[in-house]
Amino acid sequence: MDFTVIIPARYASTRFPGKALAEIAGKPMIVHVAEHAAASGAQKVLVATDHPEIAAAAARHGFKAVMTAAGHASGTER
């Protein structure tokens, strides 16, 4: 089955700002999430973000990022 995973990643989280960039075992959290999504068999993994640093972190590790508006109320809107 072909499927795409889109990971919403917001920088200005209210409880943990910058969470997507938090280092875990030497890599940003968003990269760990994207790697697990890729390992699921997804044909495409996209990071949907409102912050250029998150997009850059994804790109450095070979994942495509799509910039979205900062005003989205939730990850579903993103």
PDB file of N, CA and C in Angstrom:
ATOM      1  N   MET A   1       0.843  -1.175   0.000  1.00  0.00           N
ATOM      2  CA  MET A   1       0.000   0.000   0.000  1.00  0.00           C
ATOM      3  C   MET A   1       0.894   1.246   0.000  1.00  0.00           C
ATOM      4  N   ASP A   2       0.596   2.189  -0.876  1.00  0.00           N
ATOM      5  CA  ASP A   2       1.335   3.449  -0.936  1.00  0.00           C
ATOM      6  C   ASP A   2       0.685   4.461  -0.005  1.00  0.00           C
ATOM      7  N   PHE A   3       1.518   5.113   0.798  1.00  0.00           N
ATOM      8  CA  PHE A   3       0.997   6.171   1.661  1.00  0.00           C
ATOM      9  C   PHE A   3       2.087   7.190   1.953  1.00  0.00           C
ATOM     10  N   THR A   4       1.645   8.387   2.305  1.00  0.00           N
ATOM     11  CA  THR A   4       2.521   9.499   2.653  1.00  0.00           C
ATOM     12  C   THR A   4       2.278   9.868   4.103  1.00  0.00           C
ATOM     13  N   VAL A   5       3.354  10.190   4.809  1.00  0.00           N
ATOM     14  CA  VAL A   5       3.246  10.662   6.191  1.00  0.00           C
ATOM     15  C   VAL A   5       3.574  12.148   6.204  1.00  0.00           C
ATOM     16  N   ILE A   6       2.690  12.946   6.785  1.00  0.00           N
ATOM     17  CA  ILE A   6       2.934  14.381   6.963  1.00  0.00           C
ATOM     18  C   ILE A   6       3.012  14.638   8.457  1.00  0.00           C
ATOM     19  N   ILE A   7       4.150  15.153   8.896  1.00  0.00           N
ATOM     20  CA  ILE A   7       4.396  15.384  10.318  1.00  0.00           C
ATOM     21  C   ILE A   7       4.281  16.879  10.604  1.00  0.00           C
ATOM     22  N   PRO A   8       3.255  17.308  11.342  1.00  0.00           N
ATOM     23  CA  PRO A   8       3.167  18.723  11.710  1.00  0.00           C
ATOM     24  C   PRO A   8       4.178  19.027  12.816  1.00  0.00           C
ATOM     25  N   ALA A   9       4.956  20.077  12.641  1.00  0.00           N
ATOM     26  CA  ALA A   9       5.987  20.420  13.625  1.00  0.00           C
ATOM     27  C   ALA A   9       6.001  21.926  13.846  1.00  0.00           C
ATOM     28  N   ARG A  10       5.465  22.341  14.965  1.00  0.00           N
ATOM     29  CA  ARG A  10       5.365  23.760  15.307  1.00  0.00           C
ATOM     30  C   ARG A  10       6.503  24.130  16.247  1.00  0.00           C
ATOM     31  N   TYR A  11       7.096  25.293  16.052  1.00  0.00           N
ATOM     32  CA  TYR A  11       8.198  25.719  16.908  1.00  0.00           C
ATOM     33  C   TYR A  11       7.704  26.298  18.228  1.00  0.00           C
ATOM     34  N   ALA A  12       6.671  27.127  18.182  1.00  0.00           N
ATOM     35  CA  ALA A  12       6.236  27.883  19.362  1.00  0.00           C
ATOM     36  C   ALA A  12       5.209  27.129  20.193  1.00  0.00           C
ATOM     37  N   SER A  13       5.508  25.905  20.537  1.00  0.00           N
ATOM     38  CA  SER A  13       4.628  25.125  21.406  1.00  0.00           C
ATOM     39  C   SER A  13       4.476  25.838  22.745  1.00  0.00           C
ATOM     40  N   THR A  14       3.290  25.798  23.316  1.00  0.00           N
ATOM     41  CA  THR A  14       3.082  26.507  24.588  1.00  0.00           C
ATOM     42  C   THR A  14       3.722  25.783  25.764  1.00  0.00           C
ATOM     43  N   ARG A  15       3.720  24.460  25.750  1.00  0.00           N
ATOM     44  CA  ARG A  15       4.279  23.718  26.886  1.00  0.00           C
ATOM     45  C   ARG A  15       5.772  23.455  26.754  1.00  0.00           C
ATOM     46  N   PHE A  16       6.296  23.359  25.524  1.00  0.00           N
ATOM     47  CA  PHE A  16       7.710  23.034  25.321  1.00  0.00           C
ATOM     48  C   PHE A  16       8.178  23.704  24.034  1.00  0.00           C
ATOM     49  N   PRO A  17       8.411  25.029  24.073  1.00  0.00           N
ATOM     50  CA  PRO A  17       8.849  25.734  22.862  1.00  0.00           C
ATOM     51  C   PRO A  17      10.117  25.109  22.280  1.00  0.00           C
ATOM     52  N   GLY A  18      10.124  24.940  20.978  1.00  0.00           N
ATOM     53  CA  GLY A  18      11.289  24.375  20.305  1.00  0.00           C
ATOM     54  C   GLY A  18      11.408  22.864  20.437  1.00  0.00           C
ATOM     55  N   LYS A  19      10.351  22.203  20.884  1.00  0.00           N
ATOM     56  CA  LYS A  19      10.391  20.754  21.140  1.00  0.00           C
ATOM     57  C   LYS A  19      10.900  19.974  19.933  1.00  0.00           C
ATOM     58  N   ALA A  20      10.490  20.343  18.745  1.00  0.00           N
ATOM     59  CA  ALA A  20      10.890  19.596  17.548  1.00  0.00           C
ATOM     60  C   ALA A  20      12.397  19.606  17.338  1.00  0.00           C
ATOM     61  N   LEU A  21      13.073  20.617  17.885  1.00  0.00           N
ATOM     62  CA  LEU A  21      14.528  20.720  17.729  1.00  0.00           C
ATOM     63  C   LEU A  21      15.296  20.197  18.941  1.00  0.00           C
ATOM     64  N   ALA A  22      14.592  19.731  19.956  1.00  0.00           N
ATOM     65  CA  ALA A  22      15.263  19.206  21.152  1.00  0.00           C
ATOM     66  C   ALA A  22      16.135  18.015  20.760  1.00  0.00           C
ATOM     67  N   GLU A  23      17.384  18.036  21.218  1.00  0.00           N
ATOM     68  CA  GLU A  23      18.329  16.959  20.893  1.00  0.00           C
ATOM     69  C   GLU A  23      18.016  15.707  21.701  1.00  0.00           C
ATOM     70  N   ILE A  24      17.922  14.595  21.010  1.00  0.00           N
ATOM     71  CA  ILE A  24      17.752  13.285  21.628  1.00  0.00           C
ATOM     72  C   ILE A  24      18.775  12.372  20.961  1.00  0.00           C
ATOM     73  N   ALA A  25      19.698  11.860  21.747  1.00  0.00           N
ATOM     74  CA  ALA A  25      20.739  10.965  21.211  1.00  0.00           C
ATOM     75  C   ALA A  25      21.449  11.592  20.012  1.00  0.00           C
ATOM     76  N   GLY A  26      21.723  12.897  20.098  1.00  0.00           N
ATOM     77  CA  GLY A  26      22.503  13.579  19.072  1.00  0.00           C
ATOM     78  C   GLY A  26      21.748  14.055  17.846  1.00  0.00           C
ATOM     79  N   LYS A  27      20.429  13.880  17.817  1.00  0.00           N
ATOM     80  CA  LYS A  27      19.636  14.336  16.673  1.00  0.00           C
ATOM     81  C   LYS A  27      18.399  15.069  17.172  1.00  0.00           C
ATOM     82  N   PRO A  28      17.909  16.039  16.382  1.00  0.00           N
ATOM     83  CA  PRO A  28      16.667  16.711  16.763  1.00  0.00           C
ATOM     84  C   PRO A  28      15.500  15.722  16.799  1.00  0.00           C
ATOM     85  N   MET A  29      14.572  15.954  17.714  1.00  0.00           N
ATOM     86  CA  MET A  29      13.422  15.066  17.854  1.00  0.00           C
ATOM     87  C   MET A  29      12.680  14.877  16.533  1.00  0.00           C
ATOM     88  N   ILE A  30      12.524  15.942  15.743  1.00  0.00           N
ATOM     89  CA  ILE A  30      11.795  15.831  14.482  1.00  0.00           C
ATOM     90  C   ILE A  30      12.444  14.818  13.551  1.00  0.00           C
ATOM     91  N   VAL A  31      13.750  14.685  13.614  1.00  0.00           N
ATOM     92  CA  VAL A  31      14.452  13.712  12.767  1.00  0.00           C
ATOM     93  C   VAL A  31      14.137  12.287  13.222  1.00  0.00           C
ATOM     94  N   HIS A  32      14.109  12.068  14.530  1.00  0.00           N
ATOM     95  CA  HIS A  32      13.734  10.738  15.033  1.00  0.00           C
ATOM     96  C   HIS A  32      12.326  10.372  14.565  1.00  0.00           C
ATOM     97  N   VAL A  33      11.403  11.325  14.648  1.00  0.00           N
ATOM     98  CA  VAL A  33      10.021  11.073  14.222  1.00  0.00           C
ATOM     99  C   VAL A  33       9.985  10.753  12.725  1.00  0.00           C
ATOM    100  N   ALA A  34      10.694  11.535  11.920  1.00  0.00           N
ATOM    101  CA  ALA A  34      10.714  11.315  10.471  1.00  0.00           C
ATOM    102  C   ALA A  34      11.354   9.969  10.128  1.00  0.00           C
ATOM    103  N   GLU A  35      12.407   9.597  10.831  1.00  0.00           N
ATOM    104  CA  GLU A  35      13.047   8.302  10.582  1.00  0.00           C
ATOM    105  C   GLU A  35      12.093   7.146  10.880  1.00  0.00           C
ATOM    106  N   HIS A  36      11.353   7.255  11.961  1.00  0.00           N
ATOM    107  CA  HIS A  36      10.383   6.203  12.286  1.00  0.00           C
ATOM    108  C   HIS A  36       9.259   6.166  11.250  1.00  0.00           C
ATOM    109  N   ALA A  37       8.842   7.326  10.784  1.00  0.00           N
ATOM    110  CA  ALA A  37       7.812   7.370   9.741  1.00  0.00           C
ATOM    111  C   ALA A  37       8.321   6.704   8.465  1.00  0.00           C
ATOM    112  N   ALA A  38       9.565   6.985   8.093  1.00  0.00           N
ATOM    113  CA  ALA A  38      10.151   6.373   6.896  1.00  0.00           C
ATOM    114  C   ALA A  38      10.265   4.858   7.061  1.00  0.00           C
ATOM    115  N   ALA A  39      10.605   4.413   8.261  1.00  0.00           N
ATOM    116  CA  ALA A  39      10.744   2.976   8.526  1.00  0.00           C
ATOM    117  C   ALA A  39       9.399   2.250   8.477  1.00  0.00           C
ATOM    118  N   SER A  40       8.300   2.993   8.536  1.00  0.00           N
ATOM    119  CA  SER A  40       6.970   2.376   8.495  1.00  0.00           C
ATOM    120  C   SER A  40       6.605   1.886   7.098  1.00  0.00           C
ATOM    121  N   GLY A  41       7.413   2.269   6.113  1.00  0.00           N
ATOM    122  CA  GLY A  41       7.124   1.892   4.738  1.00  0.00           C
ATOM    123  C   GLY A  41       6.492   3.000   3.920  1.00  0.00           C
ATOM    124  N   ALA A  42       6.380   4.182   4.498  1.00  0.00           N
ATOM    125  CA  ALA A  42       5.805   5.321   3.777  1.00  0.00           C
ATOM    126  C   ALA A  42       6.637   5.627   2.534  1.00  0.00           C
ATOM    127  N   GLN A  43       5.964   5.917   1.429  1.00  0.00           N
ATOM    128  CA  GLN A  43       6.673   6.276   0.206  1.00  0.00           C
ATOM    129  C   GLN A  43       7.254   7.684   0.297  1.00  0.00           C
ATOM    130  N   LYS A  44       6.599   8.528   1.077  1.00  0.00           N
ATOM    131  CA  LYS A  44       7.061   9.910   1.221  1.00  0.00           C
ATOM    132  C   LYS A  44       6.817  10.353   2.654  1.00  0.00           C
ATOM    133  N   VAL A  45       7.798  11.075   3.208  1.00  0.00           N
ATOM    134  CA  VAL A  45       7.669  11.665   4.542  1.00  0.00           C
ATOM    135  C   VAL A  45       7.903  13.157   4.393  1.00  0.00           C
ATOM    136  N   LEU A  46       6.940  13.958   4.821  1.00  0.00           N
ATOM    137  CA  LEU A  46       7.047  15.415   4.756  1.00  0.00           C
ATOM    138  C   LEU A  46       6.925  15.989   6.158  1.00  0.00           C
ATOM    139  N   VAL A  47       7.719  17.012   6.430  1.00  0.00           N
ATOM    140  CA  VAL A  47       7.605  17.752   7.682  1.00  0.00           C
ATOM    141  C   VAL A  47       6.912  19.066   7.349  1.00  0.00           C
ATOM    142  N   ALA A  48       5.757  19.319   7.942  1.00  0.00           N
ATOM    143  CA  ALA A  48       5.007  20.560   7.729  1.00  0.00           C
ATOM    144  C   ALA A  48       5.289  21.466   8.922  1.00  0.00           C
ATOM    145  N   THR A  49       5.977  22.572   8.679  1.00  0.00           N
ATOM    146  CA  THR A  49       6.422  23.425   9.781  1.00  0.00           C
ATOM    147  C   THR A  49       6.264  24.904   9.471  1.00  0.00           C
ATOM    148  N   ASP A  50       6.269  25.693  10.539  1.00  0.00           N
ATOM    149  CA  ASP A  50       6.194  27.145  10.409  1.00  0.00           C
ATOM    150  C   ASP A  50       7.539  27.801  10.713  1.00  0.00           C
ATOM    151  N   HIS A  51       8.590  27.004  10.912  1.00  0.00           N
ATOM    152  CA  HIS A  51       9.862  27.565  11.363  1.00  0.00           C
ATOM    153  C   HIS A  51      11.028  27.085  10.496  1.00  0.00           C
ATOM    154  N   PRO A  52      11.842  28.017  10.000  1.00  0.00           N
ATOM    155  CA  PRO A  52      12.938  27.635   9.106  1.00  0.00           C
ATOM    156  C   PRO A  52      13.989  26.723   9.751  1.00  0.00           C
ATOM    157  N   GLU A  53      14.202  26.813  11.054  1.00  0.00           N
ATOM    158  CA  GLU A  53      15.188  25.934  11.697  1.00  0.00           C
ATOM    159  C   GLU A  53      14.716  24.484  11.702  1.00  0.00           C
ATOM    160  N   ILE A  54      13.423  24.266  11.865  1.00  0.00           N
ATOM    161  CA  ILE A  54      12.888  22.904  11.808  1.00  0.00           C
ATOM    162  C   ILE A  54      13.020  22.374  10.383  1.00  0.00           C
ATOM    163  N   ALA A  55      12.694  23.206   9.394  1.00  0.00           N
ATOM    164  CA  ALA A  55      12.836  22.803   7.993  1.00  0.00           C
ATOM    165  C   ALA A  55      14.287  22.471   7.675  1.00  0.00           C
ATOM    166  N   ALA A  56      15.216  23.275   8.174  1.00  0.00           N
ATOM    167  CA  ALA A  56      16.639  23.036   7.921  1.00  0.00           C
ATOM    168  C   ALA A  56      17.111  21.744   8.573  1.00  0.00           C
ATOM    169  N   ALA A  57      16.656  21.466   9.787  1.00  0.00           N
ATOM    170  CA  ALA A  57      17.041  20.226  10.473  1.00  0.00           C
ATOM    171  C   ALA A  57      16.543  19.019   9.688  1.00  0.00           C
ATOM    172  N   ALA A  58      15.315  19.084   9.205  1.00  0.00           N
ATOM    173  CA  ALA A  58      14.774  17.982   8.405  1.00  0.00           C
ATOM    174  C   ALA A  58      15.604  17.797   7.136  1.00  0.00           C
ATOM    175  N   ALA A  59      15.893  18.885   6.448  1.00  0.00           N
ATOM    176  CA  ALA A  59      16.656  18.817   5.201  1.00  0.00           C
ATOM    177  C   ALA A  59      18.066  18.269   5.414  1.00  0.00           C
ATOM    178  N   ARG A  60      18.707  18.659   6.511  1.00  0.00           N
ATOM    179  CA  ARG A  60      20.064  18.156   6.797  1.00  0.00           C
ATOM    180  C   ARG A  60      20.094  16.637   6.926  1.00  0.00           C
ATOM    181  N   HIS A  61      18.967  16.069   7.283  1.00  0.00           N
ATOM    182  CA  HIS A  61      18.898  14.618   7.472  1.00  0.00           C
ATOM    183  C   HIS A  61      18.140  13.920   6.340  1.00  0.00           C
ATOM    184  N   GLY A  62      17.947  14.646   5.229  1.00  0.00           N
ATOM    185  CA  GLY A  62      17.381  14.039   4.030  1.00  0.00           C
ATOM    186  C   GLY A  62      15.865  14.012   3.934  1.00  0.00           C
ATOM    187  N   PHE A  63      15.184  14.790   4.763  1.00  0.00           N
ATOM    188  CA  PHE A  63      13.721  14.818   4.726  1.00  0.00           C
ATOM    189  C   PHE A  63      13.237  16.140   4.147  1.00  0.00           C
ATOM    190  N   LYS A  64      12.160  16.078   3.379  1.00  0.00           N
ATOM    191  CA  LYS A  64      11.590  17.278   2.766  1.00  0.00           C
ATOM    192  C   LYS A  64      10.691  17.987   3.770  1.00  0.00           C
ATOM    193  N   ALA A  65      10.828  19.296   3.822  1.00  0.00           N
ATOM    194  CA  ALA A  65       9.979  20.111   4.688  1.00  0.00           C
ATOM    195  C   ALA A  65       9.162  21.068   3.830  1.00  0.00           C
ATOM    196  N   VAL A  66       7.949  21.313   4.263  1.00  0.00           N
ATOM    197  CA  VAL A  66       7.054  22.251   3.600  1.00  0.00           C
ATOM    198  C   VAL A  66       6.741  23.346   4.609  1.00  0.00           C
ATOM    199  N   MET A  67       6.983  24.594   4.223  1.00  0.00           N
ATOM    200  CA  MET A  67       6.695  25.714   5.116  1.00  0.00           C
ATOM    201  C   MET A  67       5.197  26.013   5.091  1.00  0.00           C
ATOM    202  N   THR A  68       4.645  26.180   6.286  1.00  0.00           N
ATOM    203  CA  THR A  68       3.227  26.496   6.444  1.00  0.00           C
ATOM    204  C   THR A  68       3.103  27.806   7.217  1.00  0.00           C
ATOM    205  N   ALA A  69       1.907  28.363   7.240  1.00  0.00           N
ATOM    206  CA  ALA A  69       1.677  29.620   7.952  1.00  0.00           C
ATOM    207  C   ALA A  69       1.757  29.407   9.460  1.00  0.00           C
ATOM    208  N   ALA A  70       2.274  30.393  10.158  1.00  0.00           N
ATOM    209  CA  ALA A  70       2.411  30.302  11.615  1.00  0.00           C
ATOM    210  C   ALA A  70       1.062  30.384  12.324  1.00  0.00           C
ATOM    211  N   GLY A  71       0.044  30.884  11.658  1.00  0.00           N
ATOM    212  CA  GLY A  71      -1.242  31.113  12.306  1.00  0.00           C
ATOM    213  C   GLY A  71      -2.174  29.917  12.403  1.00  0.00           C
ATOM    214  N   HIS A  72      -1.753  28.747  11.963  1.00  0.00           N
ATOM    215  CA  HIS A  72      -2.630  27.571  12.060  1.00  0.00           C
ATOM    216  C   HIS A  72      -2.912  27.253  13.521  1.00  0.00           C
ATOM    217  N   ALA A  73      -4.160  26.926  13.808  1.00  0.00           N
ATOM    218  CA  ALA A  73      -4.572  26.667  15.189  1.00  0.00           C
ATOM    219  C   ALA A  73      -4.150  25.291  15.691  1.00  0.00           C
ATOM    220  N   SER A  74      -3.882  24.361  14.766  1.00  0.00           N
ATOM    221  CA  SER A  74      -3.535  22.999  15.185  1.00  0.00           C
ATOM    222  C   SER A  74      -2.696  22.318  14.111  1.00  0.00           C
ATOM    223  N   GLY A  75      -2.152  21.158  14.465  1.00  0.00           N
ATOM    224  CA  GLY A  75      -1.402  20.368  13.499  1.00  0.00           C
ATOM    225  C   GLY A  75      -2.273  19.893  12.351  1.00  0.00           C
ATOM    226  N   THR A  76      -3.545  19.677  12.617  1.00  0.00           N
ATOM    227  CA  THR A  76      -4.470  19.249  11.573  1.00  0.00           C
ATOM    228  C   THR A  76      -4.620  20.339  10.519  1.00  0.00           C
ATOM    229  N   GLU A  77      -4.693  21.584  10.947  1.00  0.00           N
ATOM    230  CA  GLU A  77      -4.771  22.706   9.997  1.00  0.00           C
ATOM    231  C   GLU A  77      -3.469  22.867   9.224  1.00  0.00           C
ATOM    232  N   ARG A  78      -2.345  22.611   9.879  1.00  0.00           N
ATOM    233  CA  ARG A  78      -1.042  22.812   9.284  1.00  0.00           C
ATOM    234  C   ARG A  78      -0.954  22.005   8.010  1.00  0.00           C
TER     235      ARG A  78
END
